[in-house]
Amino acid sequence: MMDYLSLSPEIKTAIEEEKPVVALESTIIAHGMPYPQNVKTALDVEAMVRVNGAIPATIALINGKMKVGLSADEIDQLGRLGEQFIKTSRRDIPLLLATQGNGATTVASTMIIAKMAGIKFFVTGGIGGVHHAAQETMDISADLQELAKTNVAVISAGAKSILDLKLTLEYLETHGVPVYGFGTAEFPAFYTRKSGLGVDARIDDIRLLAKAIKTKWEIGLTGGILIANPIPEKYEVAFDYINQAIEEAIKVSQQKGIKGKAITPFLLGYIKDITKGESLRANIQLVLNNAQLGAKLARAYYS
């Protein structure tokens, strides 16, 4: 495995010394935002992790290596080249490594590589989940399976609101994944703080949250934990407004026959255009908010 895994010196030392490290994905850089806003956001997120007492580890596949802890130049390369970096989930990793390819990691693949490296916390915007009409298409994100089996705590603003959130939560419940709301009893819906759906438990104390995570793994219950952290109220998009935009985007995607890896980038891009960039601004703020919580949670876990 070490032939394929490459840790930056800072990350390697931090893990050996059991310092708080927070993993960050790279799909949001390569596929989630336009350049140069994607690079600025990635660097701002890393800075947010540092200012809150943890060490950021942005992850990507570069020249056939699973790199943990990218340099500023590598992050800029991801942002500039964008879709030349393959959107990489679990199933894509072997061939990309074998062919010395480049890949931007999703939630699932970031969790896998973080676990390999010994990183217990991962910050993202929103997880993938069960897509609308999944009973016909079977379009269910690999993120959910990874949460079921990989020991990494994921901090997100819930699941992407383009999904069927009720079925996403049902899937997580079936696979025994705890869903804790930090400061909320309602599962957040990415751009907005409300969904009408509950979480397994509301936790307001970050030390209790860290203890619950540690206890789960200490007693041998494998799999991840989802920490739902709602977007700050002043940055959320109005509930009815964003849902109308989502419905329109889903309808257009179905008309165009867009499926698989292409569906999420298409929907997010379409919603950004409909909302005249408001959804993108919300996306940036929720990721920064998650980075702040993730760093504090990692600190609490190791203190």
C-alpha atoms as a PDB file:
ATOM      1  CA  MET A   1       0.000   0.000   0.000  1.00  0.00           C
ATOM      2  CA  MET A   2       2.793   2.425   0.843  1.00  0.00           C
ATOM      3  CA  ASP A   3       3.950   2.256  -2.785  1.00  0.00           C
ATOM      4  CA  TYR A   4       0.753   4.108  -3.689  1.00  0.00           C
ATOM      5  CA  LEU A   5       0.209   6.301  -0.612  1.00  0.00           C
ATOM      6  CA  SER A   6       2.170   9.548  -0.301  1.00  0.00           C
ATOM      7  CA  LEU A   7       1.902  11.693   2.830  1.00  0.00           C
ATOM      8  CA  SER A   8       3.364  15.181   3.020  1.00  0.00           C
ATOM      9  CA  PRO A   9       6.050  15.500   5.723  1.00  0.00           C
ATOM     10  CA  GLU A  10       3.731  17.686   7.820  1.00  0.00           C
ATOM     11  CA  ILE A  11       0.891  15.166   7.685  1.00  0.00           C
ATOM     12  CA  LYS A  12       3.172  12.197   8.344  1.00  0.00           C
ATOM     13  CA  THR A  13       4.603  13.840  11.472  1.00  0.00           C
ATOM     14  CA  ALA A  14       1.183  14.964  12.707  1.00  0.00           C
ATOM     15  CA  ILE A  15      -0.272  11.459  12.426  1.00  0.00           C
ATOM     16  CA  GLU A  16       2.727   9.885  14.137  1.00  0.00           C
ATOM     17  CA  GLU A  17       2.409  12.399  16.994  1.00  0.00           C
ATOM     18  CA  GLU A  18      -1.407  11.968  17.165  1.00  0.00           C
ATOM     19  CA  LYS A  19      -2.114  15.595  16.416  1.00  0.00           C
ATOM     20  CA  PRO A  20      -5.536  16.578  15.048  1.00  0.00           C
ATOM     21  CA  VAL A  21      -5.654  16.249  11.252  1.00  0.00           C
ATOM     22  CA  VAL A  22      -8.674  16.950   9.052  1.00  0.00           C
ATOM     23  CA  ALA A  23      -9.010  15.395   5.601  1.00  0.00           C
ATOM     24  CA  LEU A  24     -10.429  17.463   2.728  1.00  0.00           C
ATOM     25  CA  GLU A  25     -11.729  16.243  -0.625  1.00  0.00           C
ATOM     26  CA  SER A  26     -10.648  17.475  -4.050  1.00  0.00           C
ATOM     27  CA  THR A  27     -13.739  16.957  -6.231  1.00  0.00           C
ATOM     28  CA  ILE A  28     -15.083  20.252  -4.924  1.00  0.00           C
ATOM     29  CA  ILE A  29     -11.928  21.885  -6.352  1.00  0.00           C
ATOM     30  CA  ALA A  30     -11.791  20.142  -9.727  1.00  0.00           C
ATOM     31  CA  HIS A  31     -15.508  19.734 -10.435  1.00  0.00           C
ATOM     32  CA  GLY A  32     -17.475  21.818  -7.937  1.00  0.00           C
ATOM     33  CA  MET A  33     -16.551  25.449  -8.643  1.00  0.00           C
ATOM     34  CA  PRO A  34     -15.096  27.618 -11.408  1.00  0.00           C
ATOM     35  CA  TYR A  35     -11.422  28.663 -11.451  1.00  0.00           C
ATOM     36  CA  PRO A  36      -9.986  30.609  -9.648  1.00  0.00           C
ATOM     37  CA  GLN A  37     -12.781  30.634  -7.045  1.00  0.00           C
ATOM     38  CA  ASN A  38     -12.253  26.910  -6.494  1.00  0.00           C
ATOM     39  CA  VAL A  39      -8.595  27.402  -5.572  1.00  0.00           C
ATOM     40  CA  LYS A  40      -9.307  30.382  -3.323  1.00  0.00           C
ATOM     41  CA  THR A  41     -12.021  28.418  -1.526  1.00  0.00           C
ATOM     42  CA  ALA A  42      -9.754  25.383  -1.068  1.00  0.00           C
ATOM     43  CA  LEU A  43      -7.001  27.519   0.446  1.00  0.00           C
ATOM     44  CA  ASP A  44      -9.498  29.391   2.630  1.00  0.00           C
ATOM     45  CA  VAL A  45     -10.859  26.075   3.923  1.00  0.00           C
ATOM     46  CA  GLU A  46      -7.339  24.891   4.760  1.00  0.00           C
ATOM     47  CA  ALA A  47      -6.719  28.189   6.563  1.00  0.00           C
ATOM     48  CA  MET A  48      -9.957  27.772   8.530  1.00  0.00           C
ATOM     49  CA  VAL A  49      -8.821  24.330   9.694  1.00  0.00           C
ATOM     50  CA  ARG A  50      -5.462  25.731  10.813  1.00  0.00           C
ATOM     51  CA  VAL A  51      -6.866  28.740  12.652  1.00  0.00           C
ATOM     52  CA  ASN A  52      -9.063  26.350  14.647  1.00  0.00           C
ATOM     53  CA  GLY A  53      -6.144  24.231  15.781  1.00  0.00           C
ATOM     54  CA  ALA A  54      -5.932  21.312  13.355  1.00  0.00           C
ATOM     55  CA  ILE A  55      -3.862  20.430  10.285  1.00  0.00           C
ATOM     56  CA  PRO A  56      -5.567  20.254   6.868  1.00  0.00           C
ATOM     57  CA  ALA A  57      -4.886  17.321   4.555  1.00  0.00           C
ATOM     58  CA  THR A  58      -6.341  17.875   1.091  1.00  0.00           C
ATOM     59  CA  ILE A  59      -6.376  14.559  -0.788  1.00  0.00           C
ATOM     60  CA  ALA A  60      -6.128  13.720  -4.504  1.00  0.00           C
ATOM     61  CA  LEU A  61      -4.616  11.172  -6.888  1.00  0.00           C
ATOM     62  CA  ILE A  62      -1.643  12.699  -8.687  1.00  0.00           C
ATOM     63  CA  ASN A  63       0.541  10.751 -11.127  1.00  0.00           C
ATOM     64  CA  GLY A  64      -0.586   7.420  -9.730  1.00  0.00           C
ATOM     65  CA  LYS A  65      -0.121   8.325  -6.063  1.00  0.00           C
ATOM     66  CA  MET A  66      -2.748   8.833  -3.383  1.00  0.00           C
ATOM     67  CA  LYS A  67      -1.432  12.149  -2.079  1.00  0.00           C
ATOM     68  CA  VAL A  68      -2.416  13.258   1.409  1.00  0.00           C
ATOM     69  CA  GLY A  69      -1.574  16.891   2.084  1.00  0.00           C
ATOM     70  CA  LEU A  70      -1.350  18.827  -1.182  1.00  0.00           C
ATOM     71  CA  SER A  71       0.894  21.822  -1.740  1.00  0.00           C
ATOM     72  CA  ALA A  72      -0.559  25.172  -2.809  1.00  0.00           C
ATOM     73  CA  ASP A  73       0.823  24.526  -6.318  1.00  0.00           C
ATOM     74  CA  GLU A  74      -0.919  21.135  -6.492  1.00  0.00           C
ATOM     75  CA  ILE A  75      -4.210  22.694  -5.377  1.00  0.00           C
ATOM     76  CA  ASP A  76      -3.811  25.348  -8.075  1.00  0.00           C
ATOM     77  CA  GLN A  77      -3.144  22.624 -10.644  1.00  0.00           C
ATOM     78  CA  LEU A  78      -6.348  20.842  -9.585  1.00  0.00           C
ATOM     79  CA  GLY A  79      -8.314  24.048  -9.941  1.00  0.00           C
ATOM     80  CA  ARG A  80      -6.869  25.028 -13.320  1.00  0.00           C
ATOM     81  CA  LEU A  81      -7.068  21.606 -14.968  1.00  0.00           C
ATOM     82  CA  GLY A  82     -10.472  20.809 -13.475  1.00  0.00           C
ATOM     83  CA  GLU A  83     -12.127  17.967 -15.334  1.00  0.00           C
ATOM     84  CA  GLN A  84      -8.789  16.617 -16.543  1.00  0.00           C
ATOM     85  CA  PHE A  85      -8.725  15.151 -13.033  1.00  0.00           C
ATOM     86  CA  ILE A  86     -11.088  12.172 -13.115  1.00  0.00           C
ATOM     87  CA  LYS A  87     -13.921  12.264 -10.586  1.00  0.00           C
ATOM     88  CA  THR A  88     -12.711   9.384  -8.440  1.00  0.00           C
ATOM     89  CA  SER A  89     -14.796   7.127  -6.226  1.00  0.00           C
ATOM     90  CA  ARG A  90     -13.894   3.704  -4.750  1.00  0.00           C
ATOM     91  CA  ARG A  91     -14.236   1.791  -8.017  1.00  0.00           C
ATOM     92  CA  ASP A  92     -11.983   4.209  -9.922  1.00  0.00           C
ATOM     93  CA  ILE A  93      -8.948   4.090  -7.641  1.00  0.00           C
ATOM     94  CA  PRO A  94      -7.246   0.859  -8.841  1.00  0.00           C
ATOM     95  CA  LEU A  95      -7.062   1.710 -12.537  1.00  0.00           C
ATOM     96  CA  LEU A  96      -5.977   5.299 -11.913  1.00  0.00           C
ATOM     97  CA  LEU A  97      -3.129   4.059  -9.724  1.00  0.00           C
ATOM     98  CA  ALA A  98      -2.181   1.366 -12.239  1.00  0.00           C
ATOM     99  CA  THR A  99      -2.067   3.896 -15.090  1.00  0.00           C
ATOM    100  CA  GLN A 100      -0.415   6.662 -13.026  1.00  0.00           C
ATOM    101  CA  GLY A 101      -3.477   8.813 -13.567  1.00  0.00           C
ATOM    102  CA  ASN A 102      -4.857  11.913 -11.886  1.00  0.00           C
ATOM    103  CA  GLY A 103      -8.066  11.930  -9.892  1.00  0.00           C
ATOM    104  CA  ALA A 104     -10.135  14.280  -7.762  1.00  0.00           C
ATOM    105  CA  THR A 105     -11.494  12.416  -4.757  1.00  0.00           C
ATOM    106  CA  THR A 106     -15.179  12.225  -3.827  1.00  0.00           C
ATOM    107  CA  VAL A 107     -16.491  11.707  -0.292  1.00  0.00           C
ATOM    108  CA  ALA A 108     -16.123   7.931  -0.627  1.00  0.00           C
ATOM    109  CA  SER A 109     -12.570   7.888  -1.961  1.00  0.00           C
ATOM    110  CA  THR A 110     -11.431  10.614   0.425  1.00  0.00           C
ATOM    111  CA  MET A 111     -12.722   8.512   3.326  1.00  0.00           C
ATOM    112  CA  ILE A 112     -10.851   5.458   2.021  1.00  0.00           C
ATOM    113  CA  ILE A 113      -7.546   7.283   1.650  1.00  0.00           C
ATOM    114  CA  ALA A 114      -7.958   9.126   4.955  1.00  0.00           C
ATOM    115  CA  LYS A 115      -8.448   5.770   6.702  1.00  0.00           C
ATOM    116  CA  MET A 116      -5.336   4.370   5.006  1.00  0.00           C
ATOM    117  CA  ALA A 117      -3.351   7.372   6.223  1.00  0.00           C
ATOM    118  CA  GLY A 118      -4.702   7.189   9.780  1.00  0.00           C
ATOM    119  CA  ILE A 119      -6.903  10.315   9.618  1.00  0.00           C
ATOM    120  CA  LYS A 120     -10.161  10.076  11.569  1.00  0.00           C
ATOM    121  CA  PHE A 121     -11.941  13.299  10.550  1.00  0.00           C
ATOM    122  CA  PHE A 122     -13.084  14.501   7.158  1.00  0.00           C
ATOM    123  CA  VAL A 123     -14.803  17.771   6.226  1.00  0.00           C
ATOM    124  CA  THR A 124     -16.917  18.132   3.103  1.00  0.00           C
ATOM    125  CA  GLY A 125     -19.810  20.283   1.872  1.00  0.00           C
ATOM    126  CA  GLY A 126     -22.546  17.678   1.627  1.00  0.00           C
ATOM    127  CA  ILE A 127     -22.472  13.919   1.193  1.00  0.00           C
ATOM    128  CA  GLY A 128     -23.956  12.090  -1.764  1.00  0.00           C
ATOM    129  CA  GLY A 129     -26.992   9.906  -1.254  1.00  0.00           C
ATOM    130  CA  VAL A 130     -30.099   8.415  -2.819  1.00  0.00           C
ATOM    131  CA  HIS A 131     -31.145  10.252  -5.970  1.00  0.00           C
ATOM    132  CA  HIS A 132     -34.754  10.912  -6.895  1.00  0.00           C
ATOM    133  CA  ALA A 133     -36.349   7.992  -8.767  1.00  0.00           C
ATOM    134  CA  ALA A 134     -33.656   5.643  -7.409  1.00  0.00           C
ATOM    135  CA  GLN A 135     -36.279   2.893  -7.261  1.00  0.00           C
ATOM    136  CA  GLU A 136     -36.013   2.883 -11.067  1.00  0.00           C
ATOM    137  CA  THR A 137     -32.440   4.009 -11.708  1.00  0.00           C
ATOM    138  CA  MET A 138     -30.710   2.491  -8.628  1.00  0.00           C
ATOM    139  CA  ASP A 139     -28.691   5.728  -8.501  1.00  0.00           C
ATOM    140  CA  ILE A 140     -27.344   5.634  -4.952  1.00  0.00           C
ATOM    141  CA  SER A 141     -24.048   7.295  -4.100  1.00  0.00           C
ATOM    142  CA  ALA A 142     -21.113   5.131  -3.031  1.00  0.00           C
ATOM    143  CA  ASP A 143     -20.662   7.670  -0.214  1.00  0.00           C
ATOM    144  CA  LEU A 144     -23.373   5.890   1.774  1.00  0.00           C
ATOM    145  CA  GLN A 145     -21.701   2.483   1.566  1.00  0.00           C
ATOM    146  CA  GLU A 146     -18.407   4.041   2.596  1.00  0.00           C
ATOM    147  CA  LEU A 147     -20.043   5.612   5.631  1.00  0.00           C
ATOM    148  CA  ALA A 148     -21.346   2.165   6.521  1.00  0.00           C
ATOM    149  CA  LYS A 149     -17.918   0.519   6.599  1.00  0.00           C
ATOM    150  CA  THR A 150     -15.065   3.038   6.912  1.00  0.00           C
ATOM    151  CA  ASN A 151     -14.009   4.421  10.292  1.00  0.00           C
ATOM    152  CA  VAL A 152     -13.980   8.130   9.502  1.00  0.00           C
ATOM    153  CA  ALA A 153     -16.175  10.850  11.021  1.00  0.00           C
ATOM    154  CA  VAL A 154     -17.673  13.055   8.294  1.00  0.00           C
ATOM    155  CA  ILE A 155     -18.672  16.647   8.986  1.00  0.00           C
ATOM    156  CA  SER A 156     -21.081  18.035   6.395  1.00  0.00           C
ATOM    157  CA  ALA A 157     -24.067  20.333   5.964  1.00  0.00           C
ATOM    158  CA  GLY A 158     -26.228  17.229   5.655  1.00  0.00           C
ATOM    159  CA  ALA A 159     -26.640  15.702   2.209  1.00  0.00           C
ATOM    160  CA  LYS A 160     -26.823  17.606  -1.064  1.00  0.00           C
ATOM    161  CA  SER A 161     -30.356  18.967  -1.330  1.00  0.00           C
ATOM    162  CA  ILE A 162     -30.669  17.715  -4.915  1.00  0.00           C
ATOM    163  CA  LEU A 163     -31.164  14.237  -3.391  1.00  0.00           C
ATOM    164  CA  ASP A 164     -34.063  12.324  -1.887  1.00  0.00           C
ATOM    165  CA  LEU A 165     -33.140  13.161   1.701  1.00  0.00           C
ATOM    166  CA  LYS A 166     -35.741  10.918   3.323  1.00  0.00           C
ATOM    167  CA  LEU A 167     -34.471   7.844   1.491  1.00  0.00           C
ATOM    168  CA  THR A 168     -30.864   8.879   2.124  1.00  0.00           C
ATOM    169  CA  LEU A 169     -31.510   8.909   5.878  1.00  0.00           C
ATOM    170  CA  GLU A 170     -33.382   5.598   5.651  1.00  0.00           C
ATOM    171  CA  TYR A 171     -30.375   4.062   3.884  1.00  0.00           C
ATOM    172  CA  LEU A 172     -27.985   5.323   6.565  1.00  0.00           C
ATOM    173  CA  GLU A 173     -30.281   3.991   9.304  1.00  0.00           C
ATOM    174  CA  THR A 174     -30.434   0.572   7.646  1.00  0.00           C
ATOM    175  CA  HIS A 175     -26.638   0.386   7.630  1.00  0.00           C
ATOM    176  CA  GLY A 176     -26.279   1.565  11.218  1.00  0.00           C
ATOM    177  CA  VAL A 177     -24.608   4.906  10.513  1.00  0.00           C
ATOM    178  CA  PRO A 178     -25.222   7.379  13.368  1.00  0.00           C
ATOM    179  CA  VAL A 179     -26.412  10.788  12.189  1.00  0.00           C
ATOM    180  CA  TYR A 180     -25.771  13.432  14.830  1.00  0.00           C
ATOM    181  CA  GLY A 181     -26.948  17.011  14.451  1.00  0.00           C
ATOM    182  CA  PHE A 182     -24.516  19.525  15.927  1.00  0.00           C
ATOM    183  CA  GLY A 183     -26.734  22.155  17.508  1.00  0.00           C
ATOM    184  CA  THR A 184     -29.763  20.952  15.560  1.00  0.00           C
ATOM    185  CA  ALA A 185     -32.466  18.287  15.816  1.00  0.00           C
ATOM    186  CA  GLU A 186     -33.319  18.716  12.127  1.00  0.00           C
ATOM    187  CA  PHE A 187     -31.265  17.270   9.295  1.00  0.00           C
ATOM    188  CA  PRO A 188     -29.919  20.219   7.279  1.00  0.00           C
ATOM    189  CA  ALA A 189     -30.392  20.252   3.519  1.00  0.00           C
ATOM    190  CA  PHE A 190     -27.120  21.750   2.294  1.00  0.00           C
ATOM    191  CA  TYR A 191     -28.172  25.232   1.108  1.00  0.00           C
ATOM    192  CA  THR A 192     -30.807  25.510   3.819  1.00  0.00           C
ATOM    193  CA  ARG A 193     -30.981  24.650   7.523  1.00  0.00           C
ATOM    194  CA  LYS A 194     -34.245  22.750   7.314  1.00  0.00           C
ATOM    195  CA  SER A 195     -35.527  19.634   5.619  1.00  0.00           C
ATOM    196  CA  GLY A 196     -38.437  18.554   7.805  1.00  0.00           C
ATOM    197  CA  LEU A 197     -36.452  15.428   8.721  1.00  0.00           C
ATOM    198  CA  GLY A 198     -34.874  14.556  12.047  1.00  0.00           C
ATOM    199  CA  VAL A 199     -31.428  13.330  13.091  1.00  0.00           C
ATOM    200  CA  ASP A 200     -30.639  10.444  15.429  1.00  0.00           C
ATOM    201  CA  ALA A 201     -29.559  12.820  18.190  1.00  0.00           C
ATOM    202  CA  ARG A 202     -28.920  16.496  18.720  1.00  0.00           C
ATOM    203  CA  ILE A 203     -25.555  17.160  20.366  1.00  0.00           C
ATOM    204  CA  ASP A 204     -24.562  20.651  21.497  1.00  0.00           C
ATOM    205  CA  ASP A 205     -21.381  19.788  23.413  1.00  0.00           C
ATOM    206  CA  ILE A 206     -18.378  19.208  21.163  1.00  0.00           C
ATOM    207  CA  ARG A 207     -16.620  17.116  23.819  1.00  0.00           C
ATOM    208  CA  LEU A 208     -19.617  14.810  24.100  1.00  0.00           C
ATOM    209  CA  LEU A 209     -19.652  14.489  20.331  1.00  0.00           C
ATOM    210  CA  ALA A 210     -15.947  13.548  20.322  1.00  0.00           C
ATOM    211  CA  LYS A 211     -16.570  11.035  23.121  1.00  0.00           C
ATOM    212  CA  ALA A 212     -19.450   9.397  21.229  1.00  0.00           C
ATOM    213  CA  ILE A 213     -17.236   8.992  18.146  1.00  0.00           C
ATOM    214  CA  LYS A 214     -14.376   7.542  20.190  1.00  0.00           C
ATOM    215  CA  THR A 215     -16.729   5.166  22.032  1.00  0.00           C
ATOM    216  CA  LYS A 216     -18.172   3.801  18.782  1.00  0.00           C
ATOM    217  CA  TRP A 217     -14.773   2.716  17.539  1.00  0.00           C
ATOM    218  CA  GLU A 218     -13.462   1.599  20.926  1.00  0.00           C
ATOM    219  CA  ILE A 219     -16.249  -0.976  21.278  1.00  0.00           C
ATOM    220  CA  GLY A 220     -15.586  -2.297  17.771  1.00  0.00           C
ATOM    221  CA  LEU A 221     -18.560  -0.848  15.887  1.00  0.00           C
ATOM    222  CA  THR A 222     -17.013  -0.302  12.486  1.00  0.00           C
ATOM    223  CA  GLY A 223     -18.137   2.371  10.067  1.00  0.00           C
ATOM    224  CA  GLY A 224     -18.353   6.110   9.942  1.00  0.00           C
ATOM    225  CA  ILE A 225     -20.387   8.766  11.700  1.00  0.00           C
ATOM    226  CA  LEU A 226     -22.182  11.612   9.958  1.00  0.00           C
ATOM    227  CA  ILE A 227     -22.124  14.939  11.792  1.00  0.00           C
ATOM    228  CA  ALA A 228     -24.751  17.231  10.288  1.00  0.00           C
ATOM    229  CA  ASN A 229     -23.742  20.864  10.696  1.00  0.00           C
ATOM    230  CA  PRO A 230     -26.269  23.372   9.320  1.00  0.00           C
ATOM    231  CA  ILE A 231     -25.182  26.318   7.191  1.00  0.00           C
ATOM    232  CA  PRO A 232     -25.089  29.555   9.249  1.00  0.00           C
ATOM    233  CA  GLU A 233     -28.505  31.203   9.141  1.00  0.00           C
ATOM    234  CA  LYS A 234     -27.267  34.409   7.522  1.00  0.00           C
ATOM    235  CA  TYR A 235     -25.921  32.470   4.517  1.00  0.00           C
ATOM    236  CA  GLU A 236     -28.746  30.001   3.877  1.00  0.00           C
ATOM    237  CA  VAL A 237     -30.854  30.169   0.729  1.00  0.00           C
ATOM    238  CA  ALA A 238     -34.617  30.540   1.194  1.00  0.00           C
ATOM    239  CA  PHE A 239     -36.212  27.088   1.499  1.00  0.00           C
ATOM    240  CA  ASP A 240     -38.964  27.476  -1.141  1.00  0.00           C
ATOM    241  CA  TYR A 241     -36.684  29.329  -3.562  1.00  0.00           C
ATOM    242  CA  ILE A 242     -33.949  26.697  -3.543  1.00  0.00           C
ATOM    243  CA  ASN A 243     -36.429  23.823  -3.771  1.00  0.00           C
ATOM    244  CA  GLN A 244     -38.026  25.349  -6.861  1.00  0.00           C
ATOM    245  CA  ALA A 245     -34.571  25.665  -8.440  1.00  0.00           C
ATOM    246  CA  ILE A 246     -33.772  22.050  -7.556  1.00  0.00           C
ATOM    247  CA  GLU A 247     -37.040  20.766  -9.042  1.00  0.00           C
ATOM    248  CA  GLU A 248     -36.344  22.616 -12.296  1.00  0.00           C
ATOM    249  CA  ALA A 249     -32.754  21.308 -12.428  1.00  0.00           C
ATOM    250  CA  ILE A 250     -33.880  17.708 -11.853  1.00  0.00           C
ATOM    251  CA  LYS A 251     -36.546  18.003 -14.557  1.00  0.00           C
ATOM    252  CA  VAL A 252     -34.018  19.323 -17.094  1.00  0.00           C
ATOM    253  CA  SER A 253     -31.482  16.606 -16.204  1.00  0.00           C
ATOM    254  CA  GLN A 254     -34.122  13.927 -16.795  1.00  0.00           C
ATOM    255  CA  GLN A 255     -35.055  15.460 -20.145  1.00  0.00           C
ATOM    256  CA  LYS A 256     -31.405  15.466 -21.173  1.00  0.00           C
ATOM    257  CA  GLY A 257     -30.842  11.906 -19.907  1.00  0.00           C
ATOM    258  CA  ILE A 258     -27.954  12.916 -17.648  1.00  0.00           C
ATOM    259  CA  LYS A 259     -26.937  10.099 -15.295  1.00  0.00           C
ATOM    260  CA  GLY A 260     -24.111   8.647 -13.230  1.00  0.00           C
ATOM    261  CA  LYS A 261     -21.051  10.729 -12.415  1.00  0.00           C
ATOM    262  CA  ALA A 262     -22.335  13.638 -14.498  1.00  0.00           C
ATOM    263  CA  ILE A 263     -25.592  14.189 -12.626  1.00  0.00           C
ATOM    264  CA  THR A 264     -24.363  15.963  -9.490  1.00  0.00           C
ATOM    265  CA  PRO A 265     -22.049  18.471 -11.268  1.00  0.00           C
ATOM    266  CA  PHE A 266     -24.839  19.204 -13.766  1.00  0.00           C
ATOM    267  CA  LEU A 267     -27.470  19.818 -11.094  1.00  0.00           C
ATOM    268  CA  LEU A 268     -25.203  22.004  -8.958  1.00  0.00           C
ATOM    269  CA  GLY A 269     -24.124  24.023 -11.988  1.00  0.00           C
ATOM    270  CA  TYR A 270     -27.689  24.466 -13.212  1.00  0.00           C
ATOM    271  CA  ILE A 271     -28.852  25.575  -9.763  1.00  0.00           C
ATOM    272  CA  LYS A 272     -25.955  28.054  -9.577  1.00  0.00           C
ATOM    273  CA  ASP A 273     -27.111  29.613 -12.854  1.00  0.00           C
ATOM    274  CA  ILE A 274     -30.780  29.760 -11.798  1.00  0.00           C
ATOM    275  CA  THR A 275     -29.929  31.403  -8.483  1.00  0.00           C
ATOM    276  CA  LYS A 276     -27.458  33.806 -10.119  1.00  0.00           C
ATOM    277  CA  GLY A 277     -24.603  32.484  -8.004  1.00  0.00           C
ATOM    278  CA  GLU A 278     -26.426  32.554  -4.654  1.00  0.00           C
ATOM    279  CA  SER A 279     -26.157  28.773  -4.295  1.00  0.00           C
ATOM    280  CA  LEU A 280     -22.403  28.890  -4.952  1.00  0.00           C
ATOM    281  CA  ARG A 281     -21.919  31.576  -2.300  1.00  0.00           C
ATOM    282  CA  ALA A 282     -23.881  29.437   0.151  1.00  0.00           C
ATOM    283  CA  ASN A 283     -21.788  26.393  -0.800  1.00  0.00           C
ATOM    284  CA  ILE A 284     -18.566  28.228   0.029  1.00  0.00           C
ATOM    285  CA  GLN A 285     -19.856  29.428   3.398  1.00  0.00           C
ATOM    286  CA  LEU A 286     -21.152  26.050   4.486  1.00  0.00           C
ATOM    287  CA  VAL A 287     -17.837  24.370   3.689  1.00  0.00           C
ATOM    288  CA  LEU A 288     -15.975  26.995   5.729  1.00  0.00           C
ATOM    289  CA  ASN A 289     -18.423  26.443   8.598  1.00  0.00           C
ATOM    290  CA  ASN A 290     -17.843  22.686   8.415  1.00  0.00           C
ATOM    291  CA  ALA A 291     -14.068  23.193   8.402  1.00  0.00           C
ATOM    292  CA  GLN A 292     -14.330  25.197  11.609  1.00  0.00           C
ATOM    293  CA  LEU A 293     -16.359  22.475  13.340  1.00  0.00           C
ATOM    294  CA  GLY A 294     -14.217  19.653  11.964  1.00  0.00           C
ATOM    295  CA  ALA A 295     -11.020  21.212  13.303  1.00  0.00           C
ATOM    296  CA  LYS A 296     -12.538  21.827  16.735  1.00  0.00           C
ATOM    297  CA  LEU A 297     -13.929  18.294  16.857  1.00  0.00           C
ATOM    298  CA  ALA A 298     -10.569  16.759  15.900  1.00  0.00           C
ATOM    299  CA  ARG A 299      -8.913  18.811  18.660  1.00  0.00           C
ATOM    300  CA  ALA A 300     -11.481  17.629  21.200  1.00  0.00           C
ATOM    301  CA  TYR A 301     -10.981  14.003  20.142  1.00  0.00           C
ATOM    302  CA  TYR A 302      -7.210  14.139  20.707  1.00  0.00           C
ATOM    303  CA  SER A 303      -7.247  16.276  23.866  1.00  0.00           C
END
